[in-house]
N, C-alpha and C. Protein backbone atom coordinates (compact mmCIF):
# COMPACT_ATOMS: atom_id res chain seq x y z
N UNK A 1 -55.27 -59.09 11.22
CA UNK A 1 -54.73 -57.95 12.18
C UNK A 1 -56.62 -57.47 13.02
N UNK A 2 -56.45 -58.14 14.15
CA UNK A 2 -57.68 -57.90 15.17
C UNK A 2 -57.82 -56.79 15.47
N UNK A 3 -59.54 -56.54 15.98
CA UNK A 3 -59.58 -55.33 16.50
C UNK A 3 -60.67 -55.57 17.60
N UNK A 4 -60.29 -54.60 18.66
CA UNK A 4 -60.77 -55.05 19.93
C UNK A 4 -61.17 -53.52 20.65
N UNK A 5 -62.08 -52.90 20.47
CA UNK A 5 -62.76 -51.11 20.10
C UNK A 5 -62.05 -50.49 19.72
N UNK A 6 -61.49 -49.61 20.55
CA UNK A 6 -60.30 -48.52 20.69
C UNK A 6 -58.91 -49.14 19.78
N UNK A 7 -58.78 -50.26 19.84
CA UNK A 7 -56.82 -50.60 19.97
C UNK A 7 -56.80 -52.04 18.93
N UNK A 8 -55.80 -51.93 18.10
CA UNK A 8 -55.61 -52.81 17.08
C UNK A 8 -54.78 -53.92 17.85
N UNK A 9 -54.81 -54.80 17.78
CA UNK A 9 -53.51 -56.55 17.72
C UNK A 9 -53.37 -56.95 16.62
N UNK A 10 -52.21 -56.71 16.72
CA UNK A 10 -50.66 -57.13 15.85
C UNK A 10 -50.60 -58.06 15.76
N UNK A 11 -50.71 -59.39 14.75
CA UNK A 11 -49.18 -60.45 14.59
C UNK A 11 -48.46 -60.14 14.66
N UNK A 12 -47.98 -59.33 15.08
CA UNK A 12 -46.52 -58.98 14.55
C UNK A 12 -45.54 -59.54 15.80
N UNK A 13 -44.75 -59.53 15.33
CA UNK A 13 -44.39 -60.21 17.11
C UNK A 13 -43.14 -58.78 16.96
N UNK A 14 -42.88 -58.64 18.76
CA UNK A 14 -42.09 -57.25 19.60
C UNK A 14 -42.26 -56.97 20.60
N UNK A 15 -40.97 -56.28 20.88
CA UNK A 15 -41.23 -56.03 22.17
C UNK A 15 -41.64 -55.06 22.61
N UNK A 16 -43.33 -54.43 23.51
CA UNK A 16 -43.73 -53.44 23.86
C UNK A 16 -42.80 -52.73 24.84
N UNK A 17 -43.28 -52.02 25.56
CA UNK A 17 -42.97 -50.31 25.91
C UNK A 17 -42.45 -51.37 27.48
N UNK A 18 -43.36 -51.24 28.07
CA UNK A 18 -42.86 -52.07 29.07
C UNK A 18 -42.23 -53.88 29.53
N UNK A 19 -42.14 -54.21 28.55
CA UNK A 19 -41.02 -54.86 28.67
C UNK A 19 -40.30 -54.62 28.06
N UNK A 20 -39.44 -53.44 27.05
CA UNK A 20 -38.75 -52.85 27.33
C UNK A 20 -37.99 -52.51 28.30
N UNK A 21 -39.20 -52.01 29.37
CA UNK A 21 -38.77 -51.18 31.00
C UNK A 21 -37.74 -51.93 31.73
N UNK A 22 -38.82 -52.89 31.50
CA UNK A 22 -38.45 -53.97 32.28
C UNK A 22 -36.95 -55.09 32.54
N UNK A 23 -36.55 -54.85 31.45
CA UNK A 23 -35.34 -55.34 30.68
C UNK A 23 -34.17 -54.70 31.06
N UNK A 24 -34.08 -52.75 30.94
CA UNK A 24 -33.34 -52.66 30.97
C UNK A 24 -34.21 -51.89 32.52
N UNK A 25 -33.79 -52.09 33.63
CA UNK A 25 -33.99 -52.16 34.92
C UNK A 25 -33.44 -52.83 34.82
N UNK A 26 -33.71 -54.64 35.27
CA UNK A 26 -32.97 -55.57 35.28
C UNK A 26 -30.83 -56.04 34.39
N UNK A 27 -31.13 -55.01 33.43
CA UNK A 27 -29.62 -55.21 32.82
C UNK A 27 -29.29 -54.11 34.11
N UNK A 28 -29.96 -52.75 35.04
CA UNK A 28 -28.99 -51.57 35.31
C UNK A 28 -29.07 -51.95 36.42
N UNK A 29 -29.36 -52.85 37.02
CA UNK A 29 -28.83 -53.42 38.39
C UNK A 29 -28.35 -54.31 38.44
N UNK A 30 -28.05 -55.50 37.70
CA UNK A 30 -26.29 -56.04 37.50
C UNK A 30 -26.03 -55.42 37.17
N UNK A 31 -25.28 -53.93 36.00
CA UNK A 31 -24.36 -53.22 36.09
C UNK A 31 -23.67 -52.55 37.20
N UNK A 32 -24.73 -52.06 38.17
CA UNK A 32 -25.03 -51.71 39.10
C UNK A 32 -24.60 -52.91 40.24
N UNK A 33 -24.48 -53.04 40.26
CA UNK A 33 -24.04 -54.92 41.13
C UNK A 33 -22.37 -55.74 41.02
N UNK A 34 -22.33 -55.15 39.66
CA UNK A 34 -21.09 -56.19 39.09
C UNK A 34 -20.65 -54.49 39.22
N UNK A 35 -20.40 -53.48 39.26
CA UNK A 35 -19.14 -52.31 40.39
C UNK A 35 -19.49 -52.08 40.95
N UNK A 36 -20.53 -52.37 41.64
CA UNK A 36 -20.07 -52.51 43.30
C UNK A 36 -19.11 -54.15 44.05
N UNK A 37 -19.86 -55.15 43.92
CA UNK A 37 -18.62 -55.87 43.25
C UNK A 37 -16.66 -55.65 43.13
N UNK A 38 -16.64 -54.92 41.79
CA UNK A 38 -16.04 -54.86 42.14
C UNK A 38 -14.75 -53.56 42.68
N UNK A 39 -15.83 -52.42 42.19
CA UNK A 39 -15.71 -51.33 44.48
C UNK A 39 -15.14 -51.79 45.34
N UNK A 40 -15.67 -53.10 45.76
CA UNK A 40 -15.97 -53.85 47.35
C UNK A 40 -14.14 -54.31 47.15
N UNK A 41 -13.32 -54.37 45.66
CA UNK A 41 -12.97 -55.58 45.12
C UNK A 41 -11.59 -54.92 45.50
N UNK A 42 -11.20 -54.23 45.00
CA UNK A 42 -10.40 -53.01 45.31
C UNK A 42 -9.67 -51.98 45.67
N UNK A 43 -10.66 -52.55 46.88
CA UNK A 43 -10.36 -51.49 49.24
C UNK A 43 -10.20 -52.21 49.37
N UNK A 44 -10.23 -54.08 49.39
CA UNK A 44 -9.71 -55.67 49.88
C UNK A 44 -8.44 -55.22 49.17
N UNK A 45 -8.06 -55.15 47.83
CA UNK A 45 -6.82 -55.05 47.07
C UNK A 45 -6.45 -53.96 48.49
N UNK A 46 -6.40 -53.30 49.04
CA UNK A 46 -5.83 -51.63 49.01
C UNK A 46 -5.52 -52.00 50.42
N UNK A 47 -6.12 -52.39 50.65
CA UNK A 47 -6.22 -53.20 52.24
C UNK A 47 -5.06 -54.23 53.25
N UNK A 48 -5.58 -55.25 51.78
CA UNK A 48 -4.57 -56.33 51.66
C UNK A 48 -2.65 -55.79 51.80
N UNK A 49 -2.91 -55.09 50.27
CA UNK A 49 -1.50 -54.24 50.20
C UNK A 49 -0.95 -53.40 51.99
N UNK A 50 -1.70 -52.42 52.06
CA UNK A 50 -1.23 -51.65 53.54
C UNK A 50 -1.09 -53.31 54.63
N UNK A 51 -2.03 -54.21 55.12
CA UNK A 51 -1.51 -55.16 55.82
C UNK A 51 0.36 -55.00 55.39
N UNK A 52 0.36 -56.04 54.50
CA UNK A 52 1.54 -56.83 53.86
C UNK A 52 2.52 -56.13 54.17
N UNK A 53 2.98 -54.58 54.01
CA UNK A 53 3.75 -53.61 53.51
C UNK A 53 4.20 -53.68 55.05
N UNK A 54 3.04 -52.73 56.19
CA UNK A 54 2.71 -53.34 57.95
C UNK A 54 4.17 -54.71 58.13
N UNK A 55 3.62 -55.78 57.31
CA UNK A 55 3.85 -57.03 58.50
C UNK A 55 6.06 -56.71 57.96
N UNK A 56 6.01 -56.32 56.59
CA UNK A 56 7.30 -57.00 56.40
C UNK A 56 8.67 -55.25 56.71
N UNK A 57 7.84 -54.32 57.88
CA UNK A 57 8.76 -53.40 58.24
C UNK A 57 8.08 -53.74 58.86
N UNK A 58 7.03 -54.14 60.11
CA UNK A 58 7.56 -55.18 61.61
C UNK A 58 9.09 -56.40 61.57
N UNK A 59 8.62 -57.01 59.97
CA UNK A 59 9.96 -58.11 59.97
C UNK A 59 11.39 -57.38 59.96
N UNK A 60 11.31 -55.92 59.30
CA UNK A 60 12.52 -55.24 59.85
C UNK A 60 13.06 -54.89 60.78
N UNK A 61 11.58 -54.20 61.35
CA UNK A 61 12.05 -54.16 62.82
C UNK A 61 13.31 -54.99 63.51
N UNK A 62 12.27 -56.10 63.21
CA UNK A 62 12.23 -57.26 64.14
C UNK A 62 14.25 -58.04 64.06
N UNK A 63 14.97 -57.43 62.52
CA UNK A 63 16.28 -58.00 62.61
C UNK A 63 16.75 -56.25 63.01
N UNK A 64 17.00 -55.63 63.15
CA UNK A 64 17.22 -54.32 63.41
C UNK A 64 17.62 -54.69 65.08
N UNK A 65 16.65 -54.91 66.01
CA UNK A 65 16.69 -55.06 66.99
C UNK A 65 17.75 -56.33 66.94
N UNK A 66 17.26 -57.15 66.29
CA UNK A 66 18.24 -58.64 66.62
C UNK A 66 19.99 -58.07 66.66
N UNK A 67 19.82 -57.32 65.75
CA UNK A 67 21.57 -57.11 63.77
C UNK A 67 22.50 -56.62 66.10
N UNK A 68 21.50 -55.40 66.32
CA UNK A 68 21.46 -54.90 67.78
C UNK A 68 22.17 -55.89 68.71
N UNK A 69 23.07 -55.43 69.98
CA UNK A 69 23.70 -56.45 70.99
C UNK A 69 23.44 -55.35 72.20
N UNK A 70 22.52 -54.62 72.78
CA UNK A 70 21.87 -53.88 74.21
C UNK A 70 20.09 -53.95 73.46
N UNK A 71 19.79 -54.78 73.56
CA UNK A 71 18.86 -54.43 73.69
C UNK A 71 18.24 -55.05 75.35
N UNK A 72 18.18 -53.82 75.73
CA UNK A 72 18.13 -54.06 77.57
C UNK A 72 16.47 -53.99 77.11
N UNK A 73 15.60 -54.13 78.63
CA UNK A 73 14.65 -53.46 78.21
C UNK A 73 13.97 -52.67 78.71
N UNK A 74 12.86 -52.43 77.74
CA UNK A 74 12.51 -50.13 78.15
C UNK A 74 11.18 -50.51 76.24
N UNK A 75 10.90 -48.96 76.34
CA UNK A 75 10.52 -49.37 74.37
C UNK A 75 11.18 -47.75 74.51
N UNK A 76 10.92 -48.83 72.47
CA UNK A 76 11.84 -47.62 71.59
C UNK A 76 11.24 -47.40 70.72
N UNK A 77 10.86 -46.48 70.07
CA UNK A 77 10.20 -46.33 68.64
C UNK A 77 10.34 -45.41 67.79
N UNK A 78 9.97 -45.30 66.82
CA UNK A 78 10.40 -45.39 65.21
C UNK A 78 9.90 -45.08 64.06
N UNK A 79 10.45 -43.62 63.10
CA UNK A 79 9.85 -44.32 61.87
C UNK A 79 10.56 -44.98 60.56
N UNK A 80 10.15 -44.70 59.63
CA UNK A 80 10.23 -45.21 58.03
C UNK A 80 11.48 -44.05 57.64
N UNK A 81 10.80 -43.60 58.02
CA UNK A 81 10.80 -42.17 56.78
C UNK A 81 10.43 -41.96 55.49
N UNK A 82 12.04 -41.83 54.46
CA UNK A 82 10.93 -42.07 52.55
C UNK A 82 10.77 -43.03 52.79
N UNK A 83 11.63 -44.44 53.09
CA UNK A 83 11.66 -45.57 52.91
C UNK A 83 9.64 -45.78 52.93
N UNK A 84 9.70 -45.53 53.80
CA UNK A 84 7.09 -46.40 53.72
C UNK A 84 6.91 -45.03 55.33
N UNK A 85 6.47 -43.86 53.97
CA UNK A 85 6.49 -42.05 54.85
C UNK A 85 4.56 -42.88 55.50
N UNK A 86 4.38 -42.54 56.27
CA UNK A 86 3.13 -42.66 57.64
C UNK A 86 3.42 -44.09 57.76
N UNK A 87 3.83 -44.60 58.08
CA UNK A 87 4.14 -45.79 59.09
C UNK A 87 4.92 -45.59 60.48
N UNK A 88 5.18 -46.08 61.91
CA UNK A 88 5.36 -45.64 62.48
C UNK A 88 6.03 -47.24 63.19
N UNK A 89 6.90 -47.23 63.78
CA UNK A 89 6.21 -48.10 64.93
C UNK A 89 6.71 -48.41 65.82
N UNK A 90 7.21 -49.51 67.34
CA UNK A 90 7.11 -49.13 68.44
C UNK A 90 7.86 -50.99 69.10
N UNK A 91 8.51 -50.88 69.73
CA UNK A 91 8.86 -51.84 70.50
C UNK A 91 9.27 -52.10 71.73
N UNK A 92 7.96 -52.94 72.54
CA UNK A 92 8.40 -52.80 73.55
C UNK A 92 9.15 -54.15 74.39
N UNK A 93 10.62 -54.80 74.93
CA UNK A 93 11.40 -54.72 75.39
C UNK A 93 10.70 -54.99 76.65
N UNK A 94 11.11 -56.79 76.98
CA UNK A 94 11.26 -57.83 77.94
C UNK A 94 11.97 -58.96 78.10
N UNK A 95 12.50 -58.59 79.42
CA UNK A 95 12.96 -59.50 79.83
C UNK A 95 12.05 -60.80 79.84
N UNK A 96 12.39 -61.53 79.47
CA UNK A 96 12.09 -63.34 78.94
C UNK A 96 12.04 -64.35 80.01
N UNK A 97 10.81 -65.33 80.28
CA UNK A 97 11.54 -66.13 81.58
C UNK A 97 12.80 -66.96 81.60
N UNK A 98 13.17 -67.19 80.14
CA UNK A 98 14.25 -67.49 80.03
C UNK A 98 15.38 -66.20 80.54
N UNK A 99 16.32 -66.34 80.57
CA UNK A 99 17.12 -65.69 80.94
C UNK A 99 18.33 -65.11 80.13
N UNK A 100 18.43 -65.68 78.52
CA UNK A 100 19.05 -64.88 77.70
C UNK A 100 17.79 -64.66 76.49
N UNK A 101 16.70 -64.70 76.74
CA UNK A 101 15.43 -64.23 75.79
C UNK A 101 15.12 -62.34 76.25
N UNK A 102 14.82 -61.94 75.19
CA UNK A 102 13.63 -61.03 75.58
C UNK A 102 13.42 -61.06 74.57
N UNK A 103 11.79 -60.20 75.19
CA UNK A 103 9.55 -61.01 74.27
C UNK A 103 10.40 -59.29 74.13
N UNK A 104 10.39 -59.22 72.87
CA UNK A 104 9.93 -58.39 71.77
C UNK A 104 8.86 -57.89 71.25
N UNK A 105 6.96 -57.29 71.23
CA UNK A 105 6.63 -57.08 71.47
C UNK A 105 6.75 -55.64 69.99
N UNK A 106 6.06 -55.60 68.84
CA UNK A 106 6.93 -54.46 67.30
C UNK A 106 5.64 -54.34 67.19
N UNK A 107 5.30 -52.95 67.38
CA UNK A 107 3.37 -52.56 67.08
C UNK A 107 4.40 -51.30 65.81
N UNK A 108 3.45 -51.94 64.25
CA UNK A 108 3.90 -51.50 63.46
C UNK A 108 2.32 -50.29 63.24
N UNK A 109 2.05 -49.19 63.23
CA UNK A 109 1.27 -47.84 62.89
C UNK A 109 1.30 -47.37 61.73
N UNK A 110 -0.01 -47.33 61.14
CA UNK A 110 -0.89 -45.94 59.45
C UNK A 110 -1.65 -46.05 59.79
N UNK A 111 -2.04 -45.01 59.43
CA UNK A 111 -3.54 -43.81 59.27
C UNK A 111 -2.97 -42.87 60.39
N UNK A 112 -4.18 -42.62 60.19
CA UNK A 112 -4.21 -41.26 61.25
C UNK A 112 -5.77 -40.66 61.74
N UNK A 113 -5.71 -40.22 62.53
CA UNK A 113 -8.01 -40.37 62.67
C UNK A 113 -7.95 -42.07 64.03
N UNK A 114 -8.91 -42.28 62.76
CA UNK A 114 -9.58 -42.33 63.53
C UNK A 114 -9.68 -44.55 62.24
N UNK A 115 -9.25 -43.72 61.37
CA UNK A 115 -8.44 -44.34 60.67
C UNK A 115 -7.25 -45.38 61.00
N UNK A 116 -6.80 -45.35 61.82
CA UNK A 116 -5.45 -45.93 61.77
C UNK A 116 -5.45 -47.56 61.93
N UNK A 117 -4.42 -48.17 61.57
CA UNK A 117 -4.31 -49.20 61.94
C UNK A 117 -2.73 -49.29 62.59
N UNK A 118 -3.23 -51.38 62.87
CA UNK A 118 -2.21 -51.72 64.15
C UNK A 118 -1.75 -52.78 63.08
N UNK A 119 -0.65 -53.74 63.33
CA UNK A 119 0.43 -55.10 62.91
C UNK A 119 0.38 -55.19 64.28
N UNK A 120 0.86 -56.38 64.88
CA UNK A 120 1.47 -56.89 66.26
C UNK A 120 2.18 -58.05 65.26
N UNK A 121 3.64 -58.11 66.56
CA UNK A 121 4.79 -59.06 65.94
C UNK A 121 4.83 -58.98 67.50
N UNK A 122 4.88 -60.06 67.71
CA UNK A 122 5.41 -60.65 68.70
C UNK A 122 6.59 -61.84 68.54
N UNK A 123 8.24 -61.29 68.91
CA UNK A 123 9.34 -62.23 68.19
C UNK A 123 10.05 -62.21 69.83
N UNK A 124 11.34 -63.16 69.80
CA UNK A 124 11.78 -63.52 71.05
C UNK A 124 13.38 -63.12 70.18
N UNK A 125 14.13 -62.15 71.41
CA UNK A 125 15.82 -62.46 70.50
C UNK A 125 16.47 -63.11 71.59
N UNK A 126 17.72 -63.51 70.91
CA UNK A 126 18.52 -64.13 72.20
C UNK A 126 19.81 -63.05 72.86
N UNK A 127 19.55 -63.60 73.74
CA UNK A 127 21.02 -62.32 74.55
C UNK A 127 21.62 -63.40 75.88
N UNK A 128 22.86 -63.41 74.99
CA UNK A 128 24.02 -64.63 75.34
C UNK A 128 24.47 -63.58 76.70
N UNK A 129 23.60 -64.95 77.62
CA UNK A 129 24.54 -64.14 79.47
C UNK A 129 25.99 -63.21 78.94
N UNK A 130 26.73 -63.36 77.87
CA UNK A 130 28.10 -63.10 78.32
C UNK A 130 28.11 -61.47 77.73
N UNK A 131 26.76 -60.50 76.91
CA UNK A 131 26.33 -59.83 76.23
C UNK A 131 25.35 -58.47 76.83
N UNK A 132 25.13 -59.81 78.47
CA UNK A 132 24.23 -58.55 79.31
C UNK A 132 24.97 -57.83 80.26
N UNK A 133 24.11 -56.74 79.94
CA UNK A 133 24.54 -55.29 80.16
C UNK A 133 25.85 -54.45 78.80
N UNK A 134 26.42 -55.21 78.47
CA UNK A 134 27.65 -55.04 76.98
C UNK A 134 26.19 -53.72 76.19
N UNK A 135 26.63 -52.37 76.31
CA UNK A 135 26.59 -50.99 75.49
C UNK A 135 27.42 -51.82 74.23
N UNK A 136 28.10 -51.93 73.88
CA UNK A 136 28.03 -51.74 72.43
C UNK A 136 27.62 -52.34 71.42
N UNK A 137 27.24 -52.24 70.53
CA UNK A 137 26.50 -52.00 68.85
C UNK A 137 25.98 -53.51 68.47
N UNK A 138 27.49 -53.38 67.78
CA UNK A 138 27.20 -54.59 66.89
C UNK A 138 28.75 -55.46 67.53
N UNK A 139 28.50 -56.81 66.46
CA UNK A 139 30.20 -56.83 67.13
C UNK A 139 31.46 -56.59 67.61
N UNK A 140 31.44 -55.95 65.32
CA UNK A 140 32.43 -55.24 64.97
C UNK A 140 32.72 -54.62 66.05
N UNK A 141 32.30 -53.57 66.71
CA UNK A 141 32.52 -52.50 67.42
C UNK A 141 33.37 -53.29 68.57
N UNK A 142 32.34 -54.04 68.97
CA UNK A 142 33.12 -55.25 70.00
C UNK A 142 34.46 -55.13 69.84
N UNK A 143 35.24 -55.89 69.04
CA UNK A 143 36.18 -56.50 68.72
C UNK A 143 36.82 -55.01 68.85
N UNK A 144 36.61 -53.98 68.48
CA UNK A 144 37.47 -52.61 67.97
C UNK A 144 37.86 -52.16 69.49
N UNK A 145 37.11 -52.46 70.25
CA UNK A 145 36.75 -51.91 71.47
C UNK A 145 38.69 -52.07 72.24
N UNK A 146 38.57 -51.45 73.28
CA UNK A 146 39.48 -51.80 73.84
C UNK A 146 39.52 -52.63 75.25
N UNK A 147 40.20 -53.64 75.47
CA UNK A 147 39.85 -54.46 76.96
C UNK A 147 40.42 -54.17 77.76
């Protein structure tokens, strides 16, 4: 053992208090970084989930509009009830350049206040000339209606 003033230097190996403190700080920074990445990924997964739900709902509205025979120009809207609470839709129907097509712009919205989100879908619906002005809602009802 060597003596230097009032301090004794030891030949024993080990960690000093400063080395221990530095290693704890490095470990803490690493753990906080991993937790931040985990938290961010969870938020991204949730945002992705809500976007996917909105896309499915928009396609559901498009399918429903496709089944209807009275898709005249105008705006219609609704919600998804208990199927998807918090989601609502609006469809803006306009005559396309081609006479037998209707342009449908479907907007699905969810959230409230500053955190309102939207998913937009534009599709074209086929409307044969024979159905122009037809107000019957389905082919089955069209067959049953008196001529």
